[in-house]
PDB file of N, CA and C in Angstrom:
ATOM      1  N   MET A   1       0.839  -1.203   0.000  1.00  0.00           N
ATOM      2  CA  MET A   1       0.000   0.000   0.000  1.00  0.00           C
ATOM      3  C   MET A   1       0.875   1.255   0.000  1.00  0.00           C
ATOM      4  N   GLU A   2       0.447   2.227  -0.723  1.00  0.00           N
ATOM      5  CA  GLU A   2       1.193   3.481  -0.830  1.00  0.00           C
ATOM      6  C   GLU A   2       1.289   4.203   0.510  1.00  0.00           C
ATOM      7  N   ILE A   3       0.187   4.264   1.253  1.00  0.00           N
ATOM      8  CA  ILE A   3       0.204   4.984   2.531  1.00  0.00           C
ATOM      9  C   ILE A   3       1.185   4.334   3.505  1.00  0.00           C
ATOM     10  N   ASN A   4       1.279   3.019   3.475  1.00  0.00           N
ATOM     11  CA  ASN A   4       2.231   2.338   4.354  1.00  0.00           C
ATOM     12  C   ASN A   4       3.657   2.793   4.054  1.00  0.00           C
ATOM     13  N   ASN A   5       3.992   2.865   2.774  1.00  0.00           N
ATOM     14  CA  ASN A   5       5.326   3.306   2.373  1.00  0.00           C
ATOM     15  C   ASN A   5       5.595   4.738   2.808  1.00  0.00           C
ATOM     16  N   GLU A   6       4.598   5.591   2.662  1.00  0.00           N
ATOM     17  CA  GLU A   6       4.757   6.996   3.045  1.00  0.00           C
ATOM     18  C   GLU A   6       4.918   7.130   4.561  1.00  0.00           C
ATOM     19  N   ILE A   7       4.153   6.363   5.316  1.00  0.00           N
ATOM     20  CA  ILE A   7       4.284   6.395   6.785  1.00  0.00           C
ATOM     21  C   ILE A   7       5.659   5.869   7.185  1.00  0.00           C
ATOM     22  N   GLU A   8       6.123   4.813   6.541  1.00  0.00           N
ATOM     23  CA  GLU A   8       7.460   4.270   6.839  1.00  0.00           C
ATOM     24  C   GLU A   8       8.544   5.327   6.609  1.00  0.00           C
ATOM     25  N   LYS A   9       8.398   6.130   5.564  1.00  0.00           N
ATOM     26  CA  LYS A   9       9.377   7.182   5.286  1.00  0.00           C
ATOM     27  C   LYS A   9       9.428   8.189   6.433  1.00  0.00           C
ATOM     28  N   VAL A  10       8.262   8.545   6.954  1.00  0.00           N
ATOM     29  CA  VAL A  10       8.225   9.485   8.083  1.00  0.00           C
ATOM     30  C   VAL A  10       8.810   8.825   9.331  1.00  0.00           C
ATOM     31  N   LEU A  11       8.456   7.574   9.567  1.00  0.00           N
ATOM     32  CA  LEU A  11       9.018   6.861  10.724  1.00  0.00           C
ATOM     33  C   LEU A  11      10.537   6.767  10.621  1.00  0.00           C
ATOM     34  N   ASP A  12      11.055   6.649   9.401  1.00  0.00           N
ATOM     35  CA  ASP A  12      12.505   6.599   9.212  1.00  0.00           C
ATOM     36  C   ASP A  12      13.192   7.876   9.690  1.00  0.00           C
ATOM     37  N   THR A  13      12.483   8.998   9.676  1.00  0.00           N
ATOM     38  CA  THR A  13      13.071  10.253  10.165  1.00  0.00           C
ATOM     39  C   THR A  13      13.119  10.281  11.688  1.00  0.00           C
ATOM     40  N   ILE A  14      12.272   9.489  12.336  1.00  0.00           N
ATOM     41  CA  ILE A  14      12.193   9.442  13.802  1.00  0.00           C
ATOM     42  C   ILE A  14      13.129   8.372  14.370  1.00  0.00           C
ATOM     43  N   ARG A  15      13.314   7.326  13.623  1.00  0.00           N
ATOM     44  CA  ARG A  15      14.069   6.159  14.118  1.00  0.00           C
ATOM     45  C   ARG A  15      15.456   6.471  14.675  1.00  0.00           C
ATOM     46  N   PRO A  16      16.245   7.347  14.054  1.00  0.00           N
ATOM     47  CA  PRO A  16      17.573   7.608  14.632  1.00  0.00           C
ATOM     48  C   PRO A  16      17.513   8.067  16.091  1.00  0.00           C
ATOM     49  N   TYR A  17      16.498   8.832  16.453  1.00  0.00           N
ATOM     50  CA  TYR A  17      16.353   9.300  17.836  1.00  0.00           C
ATOM     51  C   TYR A  17      15.992   8.140  18.764  1.00  0.00           C
ATOM     52  N   LEU A  18      15.139   7.252  18.280  1.00  0.00           N
ATOM     53  CA  LEU A  18      14.771   6.085  19.075  1.00  0.00           C
ATOM     54  C   LEU A  18      15.958   5.140  19.220  1.00  0.00           C
ATOM     55  N   HIS A  19      16.730   4.987  18.153  1.00  0.00           N
ATOM     56  CA  HIS A  19      17.894   4.096  18.177  1.00  0.00           C
ATOM     57  C   HIS A  19      18.938   4.565  19.190  1.00  0.00           C
ATOM     58  N   GLN A  20      19.041   5.879  19.392  1.00  0.00           N
ATOM     59  CA  GLN A  20      19.988   6.411  20.370  1.00  0.00           C
ATOM     60  C   GLN A  20      19.706   5.870  21.768  1.00  0.00           C
ATOM     61  N   ASP A  21      18.456   5.573  22.047  1.00  0.00           N
ATOM     62  CA  ASP A  21      18.059   5.048  23.360  1.00  0.00           C
ATOM     63  C   ASP A  21      17.812   3.550  23.320  1.00  0.00           C
ATOM     64  N   GLY A  22      18.206   2.901  22.231  1.00  0.00           N
ATOM     65  CA  GLY A  22      18.067   1.451  22.132  1.00  0.00           C
ATOM     66  C   GLY A  22      16.676   0.973  21.776  1.00  0.00           C
ATOM     67  N   GLY A  23      15.878   1.837  21.157  1.00  0.00           N
ATOM     68  CA  GLY A  23      14.516   1.467  20.799  1.00  0.00           C
ATOM     69  C   GLY A  23      14.248   1.607  19.319  1.00  0.00           C
ATOM     70  N   ASP A  24      13.002   1.340  18.952  1.00  0.00           N
ATOM     71  CA  ASP A  24      12.580   1.466  17.563  1.00  0.00           C
ATOM     72  C   ASP A  24      11.056   1.494  17.531  1.00  0.00           C
ATOM     73  N   VAL A  25      10.516   1.728  16.351  1.00  0.00           N
ATOM     74  CA  VAL A  25       9.072   1.709  16.145  1.00  0.00           C
ATOM     75  C   VAL A  25       8.786   0.919  14.875  1.00  0.00           C
ATOM     76  N   GLU A  26       7.748   0.089  14.929  1.00  0.00           N
ATOM     77  CA  GLU A  26       7.316  -0.693  13.774  1.00  0.00           C
ATOM     78  C   GLU A  26       5.907  -0.272  13.374  1.00  0.00           C
ATOM     79  N   LEU A  27       5.676  -0.177  12.079  1.00  0.00           N
ATOM     80  CA  LEU A  27       4.326   0.016  11.571  1.00  0.00           C
ATOM     81  C   LEU A  27       3.671  -1.355  11.511  1.00  0.00           C
ATOM     82  N   VAL A  28       2.613  -1.543  12.281  1.00  0.00           N
ATOM     83  CA  VAL A  28       1.917  -2.827  12.327  1.00  0.00           C
ATOM     84  C   VAL A  28       0.856  -2.879  11.243  1.00  0.00           C
ATOM     85  N   GLU A  29       0.016  -1.837  11.187  1.00  0.00           N
ATOM     86  CA  GLU A  29      -1.108  -1.869  10.251  1.00  0.00           C
ATOM     87  C   GLU A  29      -1.705  -0.483  10.091  1.00  0.00           C
ATOM     88  N   VAL A  30      -2.228  -0.218   8.899  1.00  0.00           N
ATOM     89  CA  VAL A  30      -3.043   0.965   8.639  1.00  0.00           C
ATOM     90  C   VAL A  30      -4.403   0.453   8.199  1.00  0.00           C
ATOM     91  N   HIS A  31      -5.424   0.769   8.976  1.00  0.00           N
ATOM     92  CA  HIS A  31      -6.783   0.317   8.657  1.00  0.00           C
ATOM     93  C   HIS A  31      -7.390   1.182   7.552  1.00  0.00           C
ATOM     94  N   ASP A  32      -8.465   0.698   6.965  1.00  0.00           N
ATOM     95  CA  ASP A  32      -9.157   1.437   5.906  1.00  0.00           C
ATOM     96  C   ASP A  32      -9.619   2.815   6.370  1.00  0.00           C
ATOM     97  N   ASN A  33      -9.939   2.941   7.659  1.00  0.00           N
ATOM     98  CA  ASN A  33     -10.402   4.232   8.181  1.00  0.00           C
ATOM     99  C   ASN A  33      -9.236   5.143   8.570  1.00  0.00           C
ATOM    100  N   MET A  34      -8.006   4.725   8.207  1.00  0.00           N
ATOM    101  CA  MET A  34      -6.766   5.476   8.442  1.00  0.00           C
ATOM    102  C   MET A  34      -6.296   5.451   9.897  1.00  0.00           C
ATOM    103  N   ASP A  35      -6.858   4.567  10.721  1.00  0.00           N
ATOM    104  CA  ASP A  35      -6.292   4.325  12.045  1.00  0.00           C
ATOM    105  C   ASP A  35      -4.965   3.603  11.848  1.00  0.00           C
ATOM    106  N   VAL A  36      -3.988   3.954  12.656  1.00  0.00           N
ATOM    107  CA  VAL A  36      -2.635   3.410  12.519  1.00  0.00           C
ATOM    108  C   VAL A  36      -2.258   2.663  13.794  1.00  0.00           C
ATOM    109  N   LEU A  37      -1.729   1.466  13.623  1.00  0.00           N
ATOM    110  CA  LEU A  37      -1.213   0.688  14.746  1.00  0.00           C
ATOM    111  C   LEU A  37       0.301   0.627  14.635  1.00  0.00           C
ATOM    112  N   LEU A  38       0.964   0.994  15.718  1.00  0.00           N
ATOM    113  CA  LEU A  38       2.415   0.970  15.786  1.00  0.00           C
ATOM    114  C   LEU A  38       2.839   0.089  16.949  1.00  0.00           C
ATOM    115  N   ARG A  39       4.067  -0.384  16.912  1.00  0.00           N
ATOM    116  CA  ARG A  39       4.622  -1.139  18.032  1.00  0.00           C
ATOM    117  C   ARG A  39       5.978  -0.535  18.382  1.00  0.00           C
ATOM    118  N   LEU A  40       6.124  -0.124  19.631  1.00  0.00           N
ATOM    119  CA  LEU A  40       7.415   0.328  20.122  1.00  0.00           C
ATOM    120  C   LEU A  40       8.209  -0.906  20.517  1.00  0.00           C
ATOM    121  N   THR A  41       9.465  -0.966  20.107  1.00  0.00           N
ATOM    122  CA  THR A  41      10.282  -2.142  20.375  1.00  0.00           C
ATOM    123  C   THR A  41      11.568  -1.744  21.091  1.00  0.00           C
ATOM    124  N   GLY A  42      12.321  -2.748  21.512  1.00  0.00           N
ATOM    125  CA  GLY A  42      13.570  -2.498  22.209  1.00  0.00           C
ATOM    126  C   GLY A  42      13.307  -1.785  23.522  1.00  0.00           C
ATOM    127  N   ASN A  43      14.191  -0.876  23.885  1.00  0.00           N
ATOM    128  CA  ASN A  43      14.035  -0.137  25.133  1.00  0.00           C
ATOM    129  C   ASN A  43      12.767   0.706  25.156  1.00  0.00           C
ATOM    130  N   CYS A  44      12.269   1.094  23.993  1.00  0.00           N
ATOM    131  CA  CYS A  44      11.052   1.912  23.936  1.00  0.00           C
ATOM    132  C   CYS A  44       9.818   1.145  24.411  1.00  0.00           C
ATOM    133  N   SER A  45       9.855  -0.168  24.316  1.00  0.00           N
ATOM    134  CA  SER A  45       8.679  -0.945  24.691  1.00  0.00           C
ATOM    135  C   SER A  45       8.449  -0.958  26.199  1.00  0.00           C
ATOM    136  N   SER A  46       9.503  -0.750  26.979  1.00  0.00           N
ATOM    137  CA  SER A  46       9.357  -0.812  28.437  1.00  0.00           C
ATOM    138  C   SER A  46       9.740   0.485  29.138  1.00  0.00           C
ATOM    139  N   CYS A  47      10.078   1.489  28.386  1.00  0.00           N
ATOM    140  CA  CYS A  47      10.512   2.764  28.963  1.00  0.00           C
ATOM    141  C   CYS A  47       9.334   3.502  29.599  1.00  0.00           C
ATOM    142  N   SER A  48       9.602   4.127  30.737  1.00  0.00           N
ATOM    143  CA  SER A  48       8.550   4.891  31.415  1.00  0.00           C
ATOM    144  C   SER A  48       8.127   6.116  30.607  1.00  0.00           C
ATOM    145  N   MET A  49       8.939   6.530  29.653  1.00  0.00           N
ATOM    146  CA  MET A  49       8.624   7.694  28.819  1.00  0.00           C
ATOM    147  C   MET A  49       7.989   7.304  27.488  1.00  0.00           C
ATOM    148  N   SER A  50       7.641   6.019  27.314  1.00  0.00           N
ATOM    149  CA  SER A  50       7.140   5.569  26.012  1.00  0.00           C
ATOM    150  C   SER A  50       5.835   6.256  25.609  1.00  0.00           C
ATOM    151  N   ASP A  51       4.953   6.553  26.580  1.00  0.00           N
ATOM    152  CA  ASP A  51       3.716   7.260  26.237  1.00  0.00           C
ATOM    153  C   ASP A  51       4.025   8.653  25.704  1.00  0.00           C
ATOM    154  N   MET A  52       4.984   9.316  26.319  1.00  0.00           N
ATOM    155  CA  MET A  52       5.386  10.651  25.867  1.00  0.00           C
ATOM    156  C   MET A  52       6.035  10.566  24.491  1.00  0.00           C
ATOM    157  N   THR A  53       6.879   9.568  24.297  1.00  0.00           N
ATOM    158  CA  THR A  53       7.515   9.372  22.991  1.00  0.00           C
ATOM    159  C   THR A  53       6.453   9.164  21.921  1.00  0.00           C
ATOM    160  N   MET A  54       5.471   8.361  22.243  1.00  0.00           N
ATOM    161  CA  MET A  54       4.411   8.048  21.289  1.00  0.00           C
ATOM    162  C   MET A  54       3.608   9.295  20.946  1.00  0.00           C
ATOM    163  N   THR A  55       3.197  10.044  21.957  1.00  0.00           N
ATOM    164  CA  THR A  55       2.318  11.194  21.737  1.00  0.00           C
ATOM    165  C   THR A  55       3.072  12.406  21.201  1.00  0.00           C
ATOM    166  N   ALA A  56       4.087  12.822  21.911  1.00  0.00           N
ATOM    167  CA  ALA A  56       4.770  14.070  21.569  1.00  0.00           C
ATOM    168  C   ALA A  56       5.769  13.903  20.426  1.00  0.00           C
ATOM    169  N   GLY A  57       6.254  12.698  20.224  1.00  0.00           N
ATOM    170  CA  GLY A  57       7.239  12.488  19.171  1.00  0.00           C
ATOM    171  C   GLY A  57       6.639  11.881  17.924  1.00  0.00           C
ATOM    172  N   ILE A  58       6.232  10.656  18.033  1.00  0.00           N
ATOM    173  CA  ILE A  58       5.804   9.895  16.860  1.00  0.00           C
ATOM    174  C   ILE A  58       4.471  10.392  16.317  1.00  0.00           C
ATOM    175  N   GLU A  59       3.461  10.472  17.166  1.00  0.00           N
ATOM    176  CA  GLU A  59       2.133  10.884  16.692  1.00  0.00           C
ATOM    177  C   GLU A  59       2.159  12.293  16.121  1.00  0.00           C
ATOM    178  N   GLU A  60       2.805  13.203  16.804  1.00  0.00           N
ATOM    179  CA  GLU A  60       2.863  14.589  16.326  1.00  0.00           C
ATOM    180  C   GLU A  60       3.549  14.671  14.963  1.00  0.00           C
ATOM    181  N   THR A  61       4.626  13.929  14.794  1.00  0.00           N
ATOM    182  CA  THR A  61       5.348  13.932  13.521  1.00  0.00           C
ATOM    183  C   THR A  61       4.497  13.340  12.403  1.00  0.00           C
ATOM    184  N   LEU A  62       3.823  12.233  12.688  1.00  0.00           N
ATOM    185  CA  LEU A  62       2.959  11.625  11.673  1.00  0.00           C
ATOM    186  C   LEU A  62       1.813  12.554  11.292  1.00  0.00           C
ATOM    187  N   ARG A  63       1.215  13.223  12.259  1.00  0.00           N
ATOM    188  CA  ARG A  63       0.075  14.109  11.972  1.00  0.00           C
ATOM    189  C   ARG A  63       0.481  15.333  11.145  1.00  0.00           C
ATOM    190  N   LYS A  64       1.706  15.789  11.307  1.00  0.00           N
ATOM    191  CA  LYS A  64       2.182  16.909  10.482  1.00  0.00           C
ATOM    192  C   LYS A  64       2.225  16.504   9.009  1.00  0.00           C
ATOM    193  N   SER A  65       2.623  15.267   8.757  1.00  0.00           N
ATOM    194  CA  SER A  65       2.716  14.787   7.376  1.00  0.00           C
ATOM    195  C   SER A  65       1.393  14.263   6.839  1.00  0.00           C
ATOM    196  N   PHE A  66       0.567  13.716   7.744  1.00  0.00           N
ATOM    197  CA  PHE A  66      -0.699  13.089   7.353  1.00  0.00           C
ATOM    198  C   PHE A  66      -1.823  13.550   8.275  1.00  0.00           C
ATOM    199  N   PRO A  67      -2.346  14.750   8.068  1.00  0.00           N
ATOM    200  CA  PRO A  67      -3.387  15.264   8.963  1.00  0.00           C
ATOM    201  C   PRO A  67      -4.684  14.449   8.924  1.00  0.00           C
ATOM    202  N   ASN A  68      -4.853  13.621   7.903  1.00  0.00           N
ATOM    203  CA  ASN A  68      -6.092  12.846   7.762  1.00  0.00           C
ATOM    204  C   ASN A  68      -6.028  11.494   8.478  1.00  0.00           C
ATOM    205  N   LEU A  69      -4.935  11.213   9.190  1.00  0.00           N
ATOM    206  CA  LEU A  69      -4.861   9.945   9.912  1.00  0.00           C
ATOM    207  C   LEU A  69      -5.907   9.887  11.006  1.00  0.00           C
ATOM    208  N   GLY A  70      -6.389   8.690  11.264  1.00  0.00           N
ATOM    209  CA  GLY A  70      -7.334   8.486  12.359  1.00  0.00           C
ATOM    210  C   GLY A  70      -6.577   8.353  13.668  1.00  0.00           C
ATOM    211  N   LYS A  71      -6.999   7.410  14.447  1.00  0.00           N
ATOM    212  CA  LYS A  71      -6.389   7.151  15.744  1.00  0.00           C
ATOM    213  C   LYS A  71      -5.019   6.496  15.540  1.00  0.00           C
ATOM    214  N   ILE A  72      -4.035   6.963  16.277  1.00  0.00           N
ATOM    215  CA  ILE A  72      -2.686   6.391  16.221  1.00  0.00           C
ATOM    216  C   ILE A  72      -2.444   5.708  17.567  1.00  0.00           C
ATOM    217  N   THR A  73      -2.264   4.396  17.533  1.00  0.00           N
ATOM    218  CA  THR A  73      -2.191   3.611  18.751  1.00  0.00           C
ATOM    219  C   THR A  73      -0.947   2.742  18.761  1.00  0.00           C
ATOM    220  N   ALA A  74      -0.340   2.645  19.937  1.00  0.00           N
ATOM    221  CA  ALA A  74       0.773   1.713  20.122  1.00  0.00           C
ATOM    222  C   ALA A  74       0.217   0.425  20.706  1.00  0.00           C
ATOM    223  N   VAL A  75       0.498  -0.680  20.041  1.00  0.00           N
ATOM    224  CA  VAL A  75       0.040  -1.981  20.530  1.00  0.00           C
ATOM    225  C   VAL A  75       1.151  -2.633  21.339  1.00  0.00           C
ATOM    226  N   LYS A  76       0.764  -3.406  22.306  1.00  0.00           N
ATOM    227  CA  LYS A  76       1.718  -4.123  23.153  1.00  0.00           C
ATOM    228  C   LYS A  76       1.746  -5.574  22.706  1.00  0.00           C
ATOM    229  N   ASP A  77       2.888  -6.197  22.890  1.00  0.00           N
ATOM    230  CA  ASP A  77       3.001  -7.629  22.581  1.00  0.00           C
ATOM    231  C   ASP A  77       2.310  -8.451  23.634  1.00  0.00           C
TER     232      ASP A  77
END
């Protein structure tokens, strides 16, 4: 899907910052209604700041590029 590729490109701009702390983010799925599921991995999956990273970092960056996205959610394993 084209939107998946475009979201991955934006996530690639965020990944170096996550990698500095031993973490990463994976795109799990984009639903037809444009809801996005992400998974924080590595140190980001258990970090006490992961909610802040998700909201203030990842979600904000994605919304700047894709204002039409629905709900952006981090799924847990």
